[in-house]
Each structure stands twice: as structure tokens, then as C-alpha cells.
Amino acid sequence: MIDVLYFAWVRERIGVPREQVDTTAATVVDLVEELKAREPRYEAAFADLRALRVALDQELSDFDASLAGVREVAFFPPMTGG
């Protein structure tokens, strides 16, 4: 089981702030594909990965990163400072 957190408009499209996901995904991209296959709201949230960032156990990461040993995955839009 992996805790998956959604922030900002990702949370709004999916409709929940977090969930536990039972997954066999090896990488973040694999997890995204599993989520997108669930239902249209996930497909809409993950339609353009270039518009998203991901953190694994609260560390910024890449979508091709391994999920081995990961407990938490967070998806969010890029942040701007100011």
C-alpha cells in the first residue's frame, strides 16, 4: 500500500485529498497509468504530466523514479515563488 496525496487542482479533479492505493507499479509512471485506468477523473488529472510535479516520501522526484520502498507519493502542480 502506498499513500497517494493530491494537491491544488489535482485534488479538485480527483475529488479527494489522499487515498491508500494497493499497487504493483514499479515506477511513478506505472502508478499514474494504473490511476488513469480507474476512471475519467484520474484520466483528466493526469492528462498532461508536464503540468505536474511528484514527490516521493516528501522529496521531489522524477516520474521515471522507482517506487521500491516508497510509502508516500504526492502529486501537485509546479509552484511559483513571489
C-alpha atoms as a PDB file:
ATOM      1  CA  MET A   1       0.000   0.000   0.000  1.00  0.00           C
ATOM      2  CA  ILE A   2       1.150   3.497  -0.862  1.00  0.00           C
ATOM      3  CA  ASP A   3      -0.349   6.729   0.439  1.00  0.00           C
ATOM      4  CA  VAL A   4      -1.108   8.983  -2.529  1.00  0.00           C
ATOM      5  CA  LEU A   5      -1.651  12.691  -1.889  1.00  0.00           C
ATOM      6  CA  TYR A   6      -3.163  15.190  -4.314  1.00  0.00           C
ATOM      7  CA  PHE A   7      -2.758  18.960  -4.086  1.00  0.00           C
ATOM      8  CA  ALA A   8      -4.327  22.052  -5.697  1.00  0.00           C
ATOM      9  CA  TRP A   9      -6.176  21.420  -8.961  1.00  0.00           C
ATOM     10  CA  VAL A  10      -5.101  17.751  -8.974  1.00  0.00           C
ATOM     11  CA  ARG A  11      -7.115  17.264  -5.769  1.00  0.00           C
ATOM     12  CA  GLU A  12     -10.039  19.195  -7.260  1.00  0.00           C
ATOM     13  CA  ARG A  13     -10.165  16.992 -10.378  1.00  0.00           C
ATOM     14  CA  ILE A  14      -9.853  13.723  -8.487  1.00  0.00           C
ATOM     15  CA  GLY A  15     -12.127  14.780  -5.643  1.00  0.00           C
ATOM     16  CA  VAL A  16     -10.111  13.522  -2.678  1.00  0.00           C
ATOM     17  CA  PRO A  17      -7.014  14.901  -0.941  1.00  0.00           C
ATOM     18  CA  ARG A  18      -5.432  11.492  -0.297  1.00  0.00           C
ATOM     19  CA  GLU A  19      -6.010   7.777  -0.580  1.00  0.00           C
ATOM     20  CA  GLN A  20      -4.254   4.493   0.017  1.00  0.00           C
ATOM     21  CA  VAL A  21      -3.514   2.648  -3.186  1.00  0.00           C
ATOM     22  CA  ASP A  22      -2.753  -1.045  -3.466  1.00  0.00           C
ATOM     23  CA  THR A  23      -0.407  -1.096  -6.438  1.00  0.00           C
ATOM     24  CA  THR A  24       2.042  -3.307  -8.271  1.00  0.00           C
ATOM     25  CA  ALA A  25       3.563  -0.298 -10.068  1.00  0.00           C
ATOM     26  CA  ALA A  26       7.353  -0.276 -10.323  1.00  0.00           C
ATOM     27  CA  THR A  27       7.686   3.431 -11.164  1.00  0.00           C
ATOM     28  CA  VAL A  28       5.710   6.629 -10.739  1.00  0.00           C
ATOM     29  CA  VAL A  29       4.672   6.477 -14.412  1.00  0.00           C
ATOM     30  CA  ASP A  30       3.338   2.965 -13.852  1.00  0.00           C
ATOM     31  CA  LEU A  31       1.327   4.219 -10.879  1.00  0.00           C
ATOM     32  CA  VAL A  32      -0.059   7.084 -12.944  1.00  0.00           C
ATOM     33  CA  GLU A  33      -1.141   4.622 -15.655  1.00  0.00           C
ATOM     34  CA  GLU A  34      -2.895   2.461 -13.048  1.00  0.00           C
ATOM     35  CA  LEU A  35      -4.687   5.516 -11.653  1.00  0.00           C
ATOM     36  CA  LYS A  36      -5.681   6.783 -15.109  1.00  0.00           C
ATOM     37  CA  ALA A  37      -7.260   3.409 -15.875  1.00  0.00           C
ATOM     38  CA  ARG A  38      -9.544   3.695 -12.822  1.00  0.00           C
ATOM     39  CA  GLU A  39     -11.987   6.296 -14.106  1.00  0.00           C
ATOM     40  CA  PRO A  40     -12.240   9.568 -16.080  1.00  0.00           C
ATOM     41  CA  ARG A  41     -11.482  11.896 -13.166  1.00  0.00           C
ATOM     42  CA  TYR A  42      -7.988  10.360 -12.855  1.00  0.00           C
ATOM     43  CA  GLU A  43      -7.524  10.497 -16.619  1.00  0.00           C
ATOM     44  CA  ALA A  44      -8.321  14.226 -16.509  1.00  0.00           C
ATOM     45  CA  ALA A  45      -5.975  14.897 -13.590  1.00  0.00           C
ATOM     46  CA  PHE A  46      -3.040  13.093 -15.205  1.00  0.00           C
ATOM     47  CA  ALA A  47      -3.687  14.072 -18.841  1.00  0.00           C
ATOM     48  CA  ASP A  48      -0.501  16.161 -19.093  1.00  0.00           C
ATOM     49  CA  LEU A  49       2.351  15.065 -16.838  1.00  0.00           C
ATOM     50  CA  ARG A  50       4.375  18.098 -17.934  1.00  0.00           C
ATOM     51  CA  ALA A  51       1.938  20.154 -15.819  1.00  0.00           C
ATOM     52  CA  LEU A  52       2.668  18.105 -12.690  1.00  0.00           C
ATOM     53  CA  ARG A  53       5.401  17.508 -10.169  1.00  0.00           C
ATOM     54  CA  VAL A  54       5.836  14.490  -7.937  1.00  0.00           C
ATOM     55  CA  ALA A  55       7.410  13.918  -4.539  1.00  0.00           C
ATOM     56  CA  LEU A  56       8.307  10.534  -3.094  1.00  0.00           C
ATOM     57  CA  ASP A  57       8.392  10.466   0.699  1.00  0.00           C
ATOM     58  CA  GLN A  58       8.459  14.290   0.651  1.00  0.00           C
ATOM     59  CA  GLU A  59      11.439  14.543  -1.748  1.00  0.00           C
ATOM     60  CA  LEU A  60      10.994  15.968  -5.247  1.00  0.00           C
ATOM     61  CA  SER A  61      11.457  13.245  -7.805  1.00  0.00           C
ATOM     62  CA  ASP A  62      11.000  12.282 -11.448  1.00  0.00           C
ATOM     63  CA  PHE A  63       8.139  10.347 -12.984  1.00  0.00           C
ATOM     64  CA  ASP A  64      10.501   7.541 -14.010  1.00  0.00           C
ATOM     65  CA  ALA A  65      11.636   7.029 -10.392  1.00  0.00           C
ATOM     66  CA  SER A  66      11.274   3.657  -8.723  1.00  0.00           C
ATOM     67  CA  LEU A  67       8.578   3.130  -6.102  1.00  0.00           C
ATOM     68  CA  ALA A  68      10.587   0.455  -4.280  1.00  0.00           C
ATOM     69  CA  GLY A  69      10.343   1.178  -0.560  1.00  0.00           C
ATOM     70  CA  VAL A  70       8.289   4.343  -1.093  1.00  0.00           C
ATOM     71  CA  ARG A  71       5.497   4.960   1.423  1.00  0.00           C
ATOM     72  CA  GLU A  72       4.069   8.241   0.110  1.00  0.00           C
ATOM     73  CA  VAL A  73       3.601   9.754  -3.357  1.00  0.00           C
ATOM     74  CA  ALA A  74       2.391  13.334  -3.741  1.00  0.00           C
ATOM     75  CA  PHE A  75       1.204  14.944  -6.969  1.00  0.00           C
ATOM     76  CA  PHE A  76       0.974  18.732  -7.345  1.00  0.00           C
ATOM     77  CA  PRO A  77       1.296  21.496  -9.936  1.00  0.00           C
ATOM     78  CA  PRO A  78       4.579  23.408 -10.213  1.00  0.00           C
ATOM     79  CA  MET A  79       4.923  26.094  -7.567  1.00  0.00           C
ATOM     80  CA  THR A  80       5.949  29.662  -8.220  1.00  0.00           C
ATOM     81  CA  GLY A  81       7.589  31.964  -5.764  1.00  0.00           C
ATOM     82  CA  GLY A  82       6.879  35.554  -5.110  1.00  0.00           C
END
